[in-house]
Amino acid sequence: KEQDGQKQVQVFIDGRHVEVNPLKARQVFKDEDDTDRGVVFILTRLGSKVVLDSKQHGLVVESDGRYVQVQVPNDYRGKMSGLCGNFDGEEVFEYEGPSQEVYRSPFDFGLSYRIPSKDCQEDDNKGLSVMRNARITRLNDFNKKETCFSKTPIPRCPEGYGKTESEVRELEFHCVPTDLESTERLIELHKTKPLEK
């Protein structure tokens, strides 16, 4: 935030506010009342940039209040999620949301991780697309009814909203007999979130 034309930096770790002194590094302990438990982070301010360094985890986070850079060791490959991606080396699922839905738009992807607060309510994003598996019903080669779900979720308009643009996409589907009880559960579940891979 800005105060008197100067950028003010506020850092929160595990929900607690940590003061950042521009003149010296600050050691952040797991428990501020028990400094024998070891340093978890070293917090440093370099001009307009704040650096959070954790030797214990091999993690370095740098931010100037507008951009954030996160560095992690290869031990984290494929074990991450969130706004910084999943660090699996594949670009296909780089915009994977919190419910494993894949977004095409970086804007929608970023909003999917939004944490509601008094300044930012859930109602604000009712017009955003939601990721859901496409569903079709068809007759199979034996003339039996099947329900098919796309293997990859796609953006859908929320209830009460209409699309402003569309595109043609090739999708792979997984089909199951419609008359099964488990299929009925999948139909209901797919209305609320993307289906598991």
Protein backbone atom coordinates (compact mmCIF):
# COMPACT_ATOMS: atom_id res chain seq x y z
CA LYS A 1 0.00 0.00 0.00
CA GLU A 2 1.06 3.62 -0.40
CA GLN A 3 1.33 6.13 2.41
CA ASP A 4 2.60 9.70 1.95
CA GLY A 5 3.77 8.85 -1.58
CA GLN A 6 5.97 6.03 -0.24
CA LYS A 7 5.37 2.32 -0.73
CA GLN A 8 4.61 0.65 2.58
CA VAL A 9 5.26 -3.10 2.78
CA GLN A 10 3.24 -5.34 5.03
CA VAL A 11 4.22 -8.98 5.46
CA PHE A 12 1.98 -11.64 6.97
CA ILE A 13 3.28 -15.14 7.77
CA ASP A 14 0.74 -17.70 8.95
CA GLY A 15 -1.71 -14.85 9.55
CA ARG A 16 0.58 -12.84 11.83
CA HIS A 17 1.92 -9.43 10.87
CA VAL A 18 5.73 -9.30 10.70
CA GLU A 19 7.51 -5.95 10.80
CA VAL A 20 10.00 -5.30 8.01
CA ASN A 21 12.92 -3.05 8.92
CA PRO A 22 14.62 -1.50 5.87
CA LEU A 23 17.98 -1.35 7.66
CA LYS A 24 18.48 -4.91 8.90
CA ALA A 25 17.36 -8.48 8.29
CA ARG A 26 14.65 -9.89 10.53
CA GLN A 27 14.68 -13.48 11.71
CA VAL A 28 11.24 -15.05 11.78
CA PHE A 29 10.75 -17.97 14.16
CA LYS A 30 8.09 -20.65 13.98
CA ASP A 31 6.95 -19.47 17.40
CA GLU A 32 7.96 -15.90 18.30
CA ASP A 33 7.68 -16.78 22.01
CA ASP A 34 10.02 -19.78 21.63
CA THR A 35 13.16 -18.71 19.75
CA ASP A 36 14.90 -22.02 20.54
CA ARG A 37 12.78 -23.74 17.87
CA GLY A 38 14.90 -22.21 15.11
CA VAL A 39 14.65 -19.63 12.38
CA VAL A 40 12.09 -20.42 9.68
CA PHE A 41 12.63 -17.33 7.49
CA ILE A 42 14.96 -14.40 7.16
CA LEU A 43 13.11 -11.30 6.02
CA THR A 44 15.07 -8.51 4.35
CA ARG A 45 14.05 -5.24 2.73
CA LEU A 46 16.21 -4.08 -0.19
CA GLY A 47 14.91 -0.72 -1.41
CA SER A 48 11.34 -1.31 -2.59
CA LYS A 49 11.83 -5.09 -2.63
CA VAL A 50 11.16 -7.53 0.21
CA VAL A 51 13.01 -10.86 0.25
CA LEU A 52 11.82 -13.84 2.29
CA ASP A 53 14.51 -16.54 2.48
CA SER A 54 14.11 -19.95 4.06
CA LYS A 55 17.35 -21.93 4.08
CA GLN A 56 15.48 -24.76 5.83
CA HIS A 57 13.08 -25.19 2.88
CA GLY A 58 15.29 -23.86 0.06
CA LEU A 59 12.64 -21.23 -0.65
CA VAL A 60 13.22 -17.62 -1.73
CA VAL A 61 10.32 -15.20 -2.33
CA GLU A 62 10.96 -11.69 -3.65
CA SER A 63 8.32 -9.01 -4.13
CA ASP A 64 8.20 -5.32 -4.92
CA GLY A 65 4.50 -5.10 -4.07
CA ARG A 66 3.47 -5.58 -7.68
CA TYR A 67 5.40 -8.63 -8.87
CA VAL A 68 6.39 -11.76 -6.99
CA GLN A 69 9.18 -14.17 -7.83
CA VAL A 70 9.32 -17.57 -6.12
CA GLN A 71 12.38 -19.84 -6.29
CA VAL A 72 12.27 -23.41 -5.03
CA PRO A 73 14.67 -26.34 -5.36
CA ASN A 74 13.97 -29.29 -7.68
CA ASP A 75 12.82 -31.32 -4.65
CA TYR A 76 9.49 -29.47 -5.05
CA ARG A 77 8.99 -30.56 -8.69
CA GLY A 78 5.41 -31.75 -9.15
CA LYS A 79 4.58 -31.11 -5.48
CA MET A 80 3.40 -27.52 -5.77
CA SER A 81 0.09 -25.90 -6.56
CA GLY A 82 -1.35 -22.41 -6.54
CA LEU A 83 -0.67 -19.17 -8.30
CA CYS A 84 2.94 -20.10 -9.07
CA GLY A 85 1.92 -23.25 -10.94
CA ASN A 86 2.61 -26.88 -10.12
CA PHE A 87 6.30 -26.91 -11.11
CA ASP A 88 5.96 -30.11 -13.16
CA GLY A 89 7.68 -28.78 -16.29
CA GLU A 90 4.47 -29.08 -18.35
CA GLU A 91 2.75 -25.93 -19.58
CA VAL A 92 -0.59 -27.66 -20.25
CA PHE A 93 -1.75 -27.56 -16.61
CA GLU A 94 0.09 -24.40 -15.58
CA TYR A 95 -3.20 -22.56 -14.94
CA GLU A 96 -4.65 -25.30 -12.73
CA GLY A 97 -7.11 -23.92 -10.18
CA PRO A 98 -7.70 -24.98 -6.58
CA SER A 99 -10.18 -27.71 -7.59
CA GLN A 100 -7.87 -29.06 -10.32
CA GLU A 101 -9.77 -27.18 -13.03
CA VAL A 102 -7.61 -25.88 -15.88
CA TYR A 103 -8.11 -22.25 -16.94
CA ARG A 104 -7.20 -20.78 -20.32
CA SER A 105 -7.24 -17.20 -19.08
CA PRO A 106 -4.58 -16.08 -16.58
CA PHE A 107 -7.13 -13.56 -15.26
CA ASP A 108 -9.74 -16.23 -14.43
CA PHE A 109 -6.97 -18.46 -13.06
CA GLY A 110 -5.80 -15.73 -10.70
CA LEU A 111 -9.32 -15.04 -9.50
CA SER A 112 -9.89 -18.73 -8.79
CA TYR A 113 -7.41 -18.41 -5.89
CA ARG A 114 -9.00 -15.26 -4.51
CA ILE A 115 -9.61 -15.41 -0.77
CA PRO A 116 -12.84 -13.62 0.21
CA SER A 117 -12.48 -10.73 2.63
CA LYS A 118 -14.57 -7.73 3.61
CA ASP A 119 -12.99 -5.86 0.66
CA CYS A 120 -13.34 -8.74 -1.79
CA GLN A 121 -16.57 -10.74 -1.52
CA GLU A 122 -17.38 -14.00 -3.31
CA ASP A 123 -20.33 -12.30 -5.05
CA ASP A 124 -17.88 -10.21 -7.08
CA ASN A 125 -17.02 -13.10 -9.40
CA LYS A 126 -20.47 -14.48 -10.21
CA GLY A 127 -19.97 -13.55 -13.87
CA LEU A 128 -16.67 -15.43 -14.20
CA SER A 129 -16.58 -18.68 -16.08
CA VAL A 130 -16.45 -21.85 -14.01
CA MET A 131 -14.60 -24.97 -15.05
CA ARG A 132 -16.78 -28.02 -15.56
CA ASN A 133 -16.55 -31.22 -17.57
CA ALA A 134 -18.69 -31.24 -20.71
CA ARG A 135 -21.47 -33.86 -20.54
CA ILE A 136 -23.31 -35.55 -23.37
CA THR A 137 -25.77 -38.42 -23.54
CA ARG A 138 -25.74 -40.87 -26.43
CA LEU A 139 -26.71 -44.39 -27.48
CA ASN A 140 -23.79 -46.82 -27.69
CA ASP A 141 -23.27 -49.58 -30.27
CA PHE A 142 -25.65 -51.85 -28.29
CA ASN A 143 -28.41 -49.21 -28.31
CA LYS A 144 -27.91 -48.56 -24.57
CA LYS A 145 -27.94 -45.02 -23.17
CA GLU A 146 -24.54 -43.68 -22.01
CA THR A 147 -23.53 -40.49 -20.25
CA CYS A 148 -20.14 -39.17 -21.33
CA PHE A 149 -17.96 -36.64 -19.50
CA SER A 150 -15.04 -34.78 -21.05
CA LYS A 151 -11.71 -35.83 -19.60
CA THR A 152 -10.69 -32.17 -19.37
CA PRO A 153 -12.90 -29.47 -17.81
CA ILE A 154 -13.84 -26.49 -19.98
CA PRO A 155 -15.04 -22.96 -19.08
CA ARG A 156 -18.81 -22.73 -18.59
CA CYS A 157 -21.05 -19.76 -17.88
CA PRO A 158 -22.41 -19.66 -14.33
CA GLU A 159 -26.16 -20.01 -13.89
CA GLY A 160 -27.99 -16.90 -15.09
CA TYR A 161 -25.21 -15.77 -17.45
CA GLY A 162 -24.85 -16.17 -21.21
CA LYS A 163 -21.72 -16.67 -23.27
CA THR A 164 -20.17 -13.75 -25.12
CA GLU A 165 -17.87 -15.85 -27.30
CA SER A 166 -17.33 -19.50 -28.12
CA GLU A 167 -14.73 -21.69 -29.73
CA VAL A 168 -14.53 -25.15 -31.22
CA ARG A 169 -12.43 -27.62 -29.25
CA GLU A 170 -11.67 -31.32 -29.59
CA LEU A 171 -12.29 -33.17 -26.34
CA GLU A 172 -11.81 -36.75 -25.23
CA PHE A 173 -14.72 -38.28 -23.34
CA HIS A 174 -15.15 -41.10 -20.87
CA CYS A 175 -18.56 -42.80 -21.13
CA VAL A 176 -20.48 -44.80 -18.52
CA PRO A 177 -23.91 -46.46 -18.58
CA THR A 178 -26.55 -43.83 -17.72
CA ASP A 179 -28.72 -46.14 -15.63
CA LEU A 180 -26.09 -46.75 -12.92
CA GLU A 181 -26.48 -45.13 -9.52
CA SER A 182 -22.81 -44.07 -9.65
CA THR A 183 -23.51 -42.22 -12.93
CA GLU A 184 -26.34 -40.29 -11.27
CA ARG A 185 -23.89 -39.23 -8.53
CA LEU A 186 -21.34 -38.15 -11.17
CA ILE A 187 -24.01 -36.07 -12.95
CA GLU A 188 -24.82 -34.24 -9.71
CA LEU A 189 -21.16 -33.84 -8.76
CA HIS A 190 -20.18 -32.43 -12.16
CA LYS A 191 -22.64 -29.56 -11.61
CA THR A 192 -20.61 -28.36 -8.60
CA LYS A 193 -16.97 -28.95 -9.52
CA PRO A 194 -14.66 -30.50 -12.11
CA LEU A 195 -14.49 -34.27 -11.95
CA GLU A 196 -11.26 -35.89 -10.74
CA LYS A 197 -8.73 -36.86 -13.38
